[in-house]
């Protein structure tokens, strides 16, 4: 899995949530592990996009 920036993760989340594209389709389109994608989408769904903020 390559790293995705915050905007890309939000774009993937919006496609899943708003456009109802399945996790398996997104997994193939973005060449991302299905389990990792599922985990990321459910985290964003539960905690909102603020979870993507990095604290340094």
PDB file of N, CA and C in Angstrom:
ATOM      1  N   UNK A   1       0.843  -1.183   0.000  1.00  0.00           N
ATOM      2  CA  UNK A   1       0.000   0.000   0.000  1.00  0.00           C
ATOM      3  C   UNK A   1       0.882   1.237   0.000  1.00  0.00           C
ATOM      4  N   UNK A   2       0.626   2.120  -0.920  1.00  0.00           N
ATOM      5  CA  UNK A   2       1.366   3.374  -0.925  1.00  0.00           C
ATOM      6  C   UNK A   2       0.698   4.331   0.055  1.00  0.00           C
ATOM      7  N   UNK A   3       1.434   5.346   0.433  1.00  0.00           N
ATOM      8  CA  UNK A   3       0.880   6.309   1.372  1.00  0.00           C
ATOM      9  C   UNK A   3      -0.018   7.289   0.633  1.00  0.00           C
ATOM     10  N   UNK A   4      -1.074   7.666   1.284  1.00  0.00           N
ATOM     11  CA  UNK A   4      -2.019   8.618   0.725  1.00  0.00           C
ATOM     12  C   UNK A   4      -2.041   9.846   1.618  1.00  0.00           C
ATOM     13  N   UNK A   5      -2.157  11.032   1.005  1.00  0.00           N
ATOM     14  CA  UNK A   5      -2.237  12.237   1.819  1.00  0.00           C
ATOM     15  C   UNK A   5      -3.676  12.434   2.306  1.00  0.00           C
ATOM     16  N   UNK A   6      -3.868  13.427   3.132  1.00  0.00           N
ATOM     17  CA  UNK A   6      -5.172  13.659   3.757  1.00  0.00           C
ATOM     18  C   UNK A   6      -6.272  13.863   2.717  1.00  0.00           C
ATOM     19  N   UNK A   7      -5.979  14.658   1.683  1.00  0.00           N
ATOM     20  CA  UNK A   7      -6.975  14.944   0.657  1.00  0.00           C
ATOM     21  C   UNK A   7      -7.384  13.677  -0.092  1.00  0.00           C
ATOM     22  N   UNK A   8      -6.419  12.819  -0.377  1.00  0.00           N
ATOM     23  CA  UNK A   8      -6.720  11.567  -1.071  1.00  0.00           C
ATOM     24  C   UNK A   8      -7.585  10.656  -0.200  1.00  0.00           C
ATOM     25  N   UNK A   9      -7.284  10.595   1.079  1.00  0.00           N
ATOM     26  CA  UNK A   9      -8.079   9.768   1.989  1.00  0.00           C
ATOM     27  C   UNK A   9      -9.513  10.280   2.081  1.00  0.00           C
ATOM     28  N   UNK A  10      -9.671  11.605   2.117  1.00  0.00           N
ATOM     29  CA  UNK A  10     -11.013  12.191   2.161  1.00  0.00           C
ATOM     30  C   UNK A  10     -11.755  11.896   0.860  1.00  0.00           C
ATOM     31  N   UNK A  11     -11.056  11.977  -0.265  1.00  0.00           N
ATOM     32  CA  UNK A  11     -11.661  11.660  -1.561  1.00  0.00           C
ATOM     33  C   UNK A  11     -12.153  10.209  -1.595  1.00  0.00           C
ATOM     34  N   UNK A  12     -11.333   9.293  -1.105  1.00  0.00           N
ATOM     35  CA  UNK A  12     -11.718   7.880  -1.045  1.00  0.00           C
ATOM     36  C   UNK A  12     -12.934   7.708  -0.134  1.00  0.00           C
ATOM     37  N   UNK A  13     -12.911   8.371   1.019  1.00  0.00           N
ATOM     38  CA  UNK A  13     -14.031   8.286   1.959  1.00  0.00           C
ATOM     39  C   UNK A  13     -15.321   8.797   1.322  1.00  0.00           C
ATOM     40  N   UNK A  14     -15.252   9.932   0.625  1.00  0.00           N
ATOM     41  CA  UNK A  14     -16.438  10.509  -0.023  1.00  0.00           C
ATOM     42  C   UNK A  14     -16.992   9.568  -1.099  1.00  0.00           C
ATOM     43  N   UNK A  15     -16.099   8.933  -1.845  1.00  0.00           N
ATOM     44  CA  UNK A  15     -16.564   7.990  -2.870  1.00  0.00           C
ATOM     45  C   UNK A  15     -17.299   6.824  -2.220  1.00  0.00           C
ATOM     46  N   UNK A  16     -16.797   6.377  -1.087  1.00  0.00           N
ATOM     47  CA  UNK A  16     -17.430   5.262  -0.376  1.00  0.00           C
ATOM     48  C   UNK A  16     -18.759   5.693   0.236  1.00  0.00           C
ATOM     49  N   UNK A  17     -18.758   6.850   0.896  1.00  0.00           N
ATOM     50  CA  UNK A  17     -19.933   7.296   1.643  1.00  0.00           C
ATOM     51  C   UNK A  17     -21.010   7.896   0.738  1.00  0.00           C
ATOM     52  N   UNK A  18     -20.621   8.814  -0.138  1.00  0.00           N
ATOM     53  CA  UNK A  18     -21.599   9.551  -0.938  1.00  0.00           C
ATOM     54  C   UNK A  18     -21.968   8.848  -2.242  1.00  0.00           C
ATOM     55  N   UNK A  19     -20.960   8.306  -2.920  1.00  0.00           N
ATOM     56  CA  UNK A  19     -21.209   7.678  -4.221  1.00  0.00           C
ATOM     57  C   UNK A  19     -21.512   6.189  -4.098  1.00  0.00           C
ATOM     58  N   UNK A  20     -21.449   5.680  -2.870  1.00  0.00           N
ATOM     59  CA  UNK A  20     -21.772   4.269  -2.588  1.00  0.00           C
ATOM     60  C   UNK A  20     -20.920   3.279  -3.388  1.00  0.00           C
ATOM     61  N   UNK A  21     -19.647   3.631  -3.603  1.00  0.00           N
ATOM     62  CA  UNK A  21     -18.730   2.707  -4.273  1.00  0.00           C
ATOM     63  C   UNK A  21     -18.240   1.718  -3.220  1.00  0.00           C
ATOM     64  N   UNK A  22     -18.243   0.447  -3.556  1.00  0.00           N
ATOM     65  CA  UNK A  22     -17.904  -0.582  -2.572  1.00  0.00           C
ATOM     66  C   UNK A  22     -16.429  -0.519  -2.177  1.00  0.00           C
ATOM     67  N   UNK A  23     -16.153  -1.036  -1.000  1.00  0.00           N
ATOM     68  CA  UNK A  23     -14.785  -1.069  -0.493  1.00  0.00           C
ATOM     69  C   UNK A  23     -13.904  -1.917  -1.397  1.00  0.00           C
ATOM     70  N   UNK A  24     -14.431  -3.004  -1.909  1.00  0.00           N
ATOM     71  CA  UNK A  24     -13.620  -3.858  -2.784  1.00  0.00           C
ATOM     72  C   UNK A  24     -13.285  -3.149  -4.096  1.00  0.00           C
ATOM     73  N   UNK A  25     -14.219  -2.376  -4.639  1.00  0.00           N
ATOM     74  CA  UNK A  25     -13.935  -1.613  -5.857  1.00  0.00           C
ATOM     75  C   UNK A  25     -12.886  -0.537  -5.593  1.00  0.00           C
ATOM     76  N   UNK A  26     -13.007   0.148  -4.471  1.00  0.00           N
ATOM     77  CA  UNK A  26     -12.027   1.177  -4.116  1.00  0.00           C
ATOM     78  C   UNK A  26     -10.660   0.556  -3.864  1.00  0.00           C
ATOM     79  N   UNK A  27     -10.656  -0.598  -3.238  1.00  0.00           N
ATOM     80  CA  UNK A  27      -9.414  -1.309  -2.963  1.00  0.00           C
ATOM     81  C   UNK A  27      -8.662  -1.602  -4.255  1.00  0.00           C
ATOM     82  N   UNK A  28      -9.367  -2.062  -5.256  1.00  0.00           N
ATOM     83  CA  UNK A  28      -8.743  -2.356  -6.551  1.00  0.00           C
ATOM     84  C   UNK A  28      -8.316  -1.080  -7.264  1.00  0.00           C
ATOM     85  N   UNK A  29      -9.163  -0.062  -7.236  1.00  0.00           N
ATOM     86  CA  UNK A  29      -8.883   1.186  -7.940  1.00  0.00           C
ATOM     87  C   UNK A  29      -7.656   1.901  -7.381  1.00  0.00           C
ATOM     88  N   UNK A  30      -7.487   1.857  -6.060  1.00  0.00           N
ATOM     89  CA  UNK A  30      -6.379   2.559  -5.415  1.00  0.00           C
ATOM     90  C   UNK A  30      -5.228   1.624  -5.040  1.00  0.00           C
ATOM     91  N   UNK A  31      -5.348   0.361  -5.431  1.00  0.00           N
ATOM     92  CA  UNK A  31      -4.318  -0.646  -5.135  1.00  0.00           C
ATOM     93  C   UNK A  31      -3.976  -0.647  -3.644  1.00  0.00           C
ATOM     94  N   UNK A  32      -5.015  -0.772  -2.835  1.00  0.00           N
ATOM     95  CA  UNK A  32      -4.902  -0.709  -1.386  1.00  0.00           C
ATOM     96  C   UNK A  32      -5.425  -2.013  -0.789  1.00  0.00           C
ATOM     97  N   UNK A  33      -4.789  -2.493   0.251  1.00  0.00           N
ATOM     98  CA  UNK A  33      -5.234  -3.705   0.931  1.00  0.00           C
ATOM     99  C   UNK A  33      -6.660  -3.510   1.434  1.00  0.00           C
ATOM    100  N   UNK A  34      -7.500  -4.487   1.171  1.00  0.00           N
ATOM    101  CA  UNK A  34      -8.921  -4.394   1.518  1.00  0.00           C
ATOM    102  C   UNK A  34      -9.137  -4.162   3.013  1.00  0.00           C
ATOM    103  N   UNK A  35      -8.439  -4.906   3.849  1.00  0.00           N
ATOM    104  CA  UNK A  35      -8.609  -4.781   5.302  1.00  0.00           C
ATOM    105  C   UNK A  35      -8.150  -3.409   5.792  1.00  0.00           C
ATOM    106  N   UNK A  36      -7.039  -2.911   5.255  1.00  0.00           N
ATOM    107  CA  UNK A  36      -6.541  -1.593   5.657  1.00  0.00           C
ATOM    108  C   UNK A  36      -7.504  -0.489   5.231  1.00  0.00           C
ATOM    109  N   UNK A  37      -8.038  -0.611   4.028  1.00  0.00           N
ATOM    110  CA  UNK A  37      -8.992   0.376   3.528  1.00  0.00           C
ATOM    111  C   UNK A  37     -10.262   0.363   4.375  1.00  0.00           C
ATOM    112  N   UNK A  38     -10.753  -0.816   4.677  1.00  0.00           N
ATOM    113  CA  UNK A  38     -11.946  -0.959   5.511  1.00  0.00           C
ATOM    114  C   UNK A  38     -11.720  -0.307   6.872  1.00  0.00           C
ATOM    115  N   UNK A  39     -10.565  -0.558   7.469  1.00  0.00           N
ATOM    116  CA  UNK A  39     -10.225   0.025   8.774  1.00  0.00           C
ATOM    117  C   UNK A  39     -10.191   1.551   8.689  1.00  0.00           C
ATOM    118  N   UNK A  40      -9.521   2.086   7.662  1.00  0.00           N
ATOM    119  CA  UNK A  40      -9.406   3.530   7.497  1.00  0.00           C
ATOM    120  C   UNK A  40     -10.783   4.175   7.322  1.00  0.00           C
ATOM    121  N   UNK A  41     -11.612   3.595   6.475  1.00  0.00           N
ATOM    122  CA  UNK A  41     -12.936   4.169   6.224  1.00  0.00           C
ATOM    123  C   UNK A  41     -13.811   4.134   7.468  1.00  0.00           C
ATOM    124  N   UNK A  42     -13.738   3.072   8.221  1.00  0.00           N
ATOM    125  CA  UNK A  42     -14.556   2.979   9.438  1.00  0.00           C
ATOM    126  C   UNK A  42     -14.057   3.934  10.531  1.00  0.00           C
ATOM    127  N   UNK A  43     -12.750   4.149  10.599  1.00  0.00           N
ATOM    128  CA  UNK A  43     -12.213   5.141  11.542  1.00  0.00           C
ATOM    129  C   UNK A  43     -12.712   6.538  11.195  1.00  0.00           C
ATOM    130  N   UNK A  44     -12.614   6.896   9.915  1.00  0.00           N
ATOM    131  CA  UNK A  44     -13.081   8.212   9.478  1.00  0.00           C
ATOM    132  C   UNK A  44     -14.578   8.338   9.719  1.00  0.00           C
ATOM    133  N   UNK A  45     -15.329   7.287   9.451  1.00  0.00           N
ATOM    134  CA  UNK A  45     -16.777   7.309   9.651  1.00  0.00           C
ATOM    135  C   UNK A  45     -17.126   7.510  11.120  1.00  0.00           C
ATOM    136  N   UNK A  46     -16.369   6.893  11.993  1.00  0.00           N
ATOM    137  CA  UNK A  46     -16.642   6.965  13.427  1.00  0.00           C
ATOM    138  C   UNK A  46     -16.176   8.291  14.042  1.00  0.00           C
ATOM    139  N   UNK A  47     -14.990   8.764  13.646  1.00  0.00           N
ATOM    140  CA  UNK A  47     -14.376   9.919  14.300  1.00  0.00           C
ATOM    141  C   UNK A  47     -14.368  11.187  13.453  1.00  0.00           C
ATOM    142  N   UNK A  48     -14.745  11.093  12.200  1.00  0.00           N
ATOM    143  CA  UNK A  48     -14.729  12.256  11.315  1.00  0.00           C
ATOM    144  C   UNK A  48     -13.356  12.461  10.696  1.00  0.00           C
ATOM    145  N   UNK A  49     -13.274  13.420   9.797  1.00  0.00           N
ATOM    146  CA  UNK A  49     -12.016  13.656   9.083  1.00  0.00           C
ATOM    147  C   UNK A  49     -10.932  14.251   9.974  1.00  0.00           C
ATOM    148  N   UNK A  50     -11.294  14.718  11.154  1.00  0.00           N
ATOM    149  CA  UNK A  50     -10.288  15.248  12.083  1.00  0.00           C
ATOM    150  C   UNK A  50      -9.292  14.176  12.511  1.00  0.00           C
ATOM    151  N   UNK A  51      -9.673  12.920  12.394  1.00  0.00           N
ATOM    152  CA  UNK A  51      -8.781  11.818  12.757  1.00  0.00           C
ATOM    153  C   UNK A  51      -7.558  11.794  11.842  1.00  0.00           C
ATOM    154  N   UNK A  52      -7.656  12.435  10.680  1.00  0.00           N
ATOM    155  CA  UNK A  52      -6.563  12.441   9.714  1.00  0.00           C
ATOM    156  C   UNK A  52      -5.514  13.511  10.002  1.00  0.00           C
ATOM    157  N   UNK A  53      -5.799  14.394  10.945  1.00  0.00           N
ATOM    158  CA  UNK A  53      -4.830  15.429  11.301  1.00  0.00           C
ATOM    159  C   UNK A  53      -3.619  14.791  11.964  1.00  0.00           C
ATOM    160  N   UNK A  54      -2.443  15.205  11.540  1.00  0.00           N
ATOM    161  CA  UNK A  54      -1.224  14.672  12.145  1.00  0.00           C
ATOM    162  C   UNK A  54      -0.702  15.655  13.181  1.00  0.00           C
ATOM    163  N   UNK A  55      -0.306  15.140  14.298  1.00  0.00           N
ATOM    164  CA  UNK A  55       0.245  15.955  15.377  1.00  0.00           C
ATOM    165  C   UNK A  55       1.739  15.689  15.435  1.00  0.00           C
ATOM    166  N   UNK A  56       2.508  16.757  15.300  1.00  0.00           N
ATOM    167  CA  UNK A  56       3.969  16.599  15.332  1.00  0.00           C
ATOM    168  C   UNK A  56       4.574  17.422  16.429  1.00  0.00           C
TER     169      UNK A  56
END
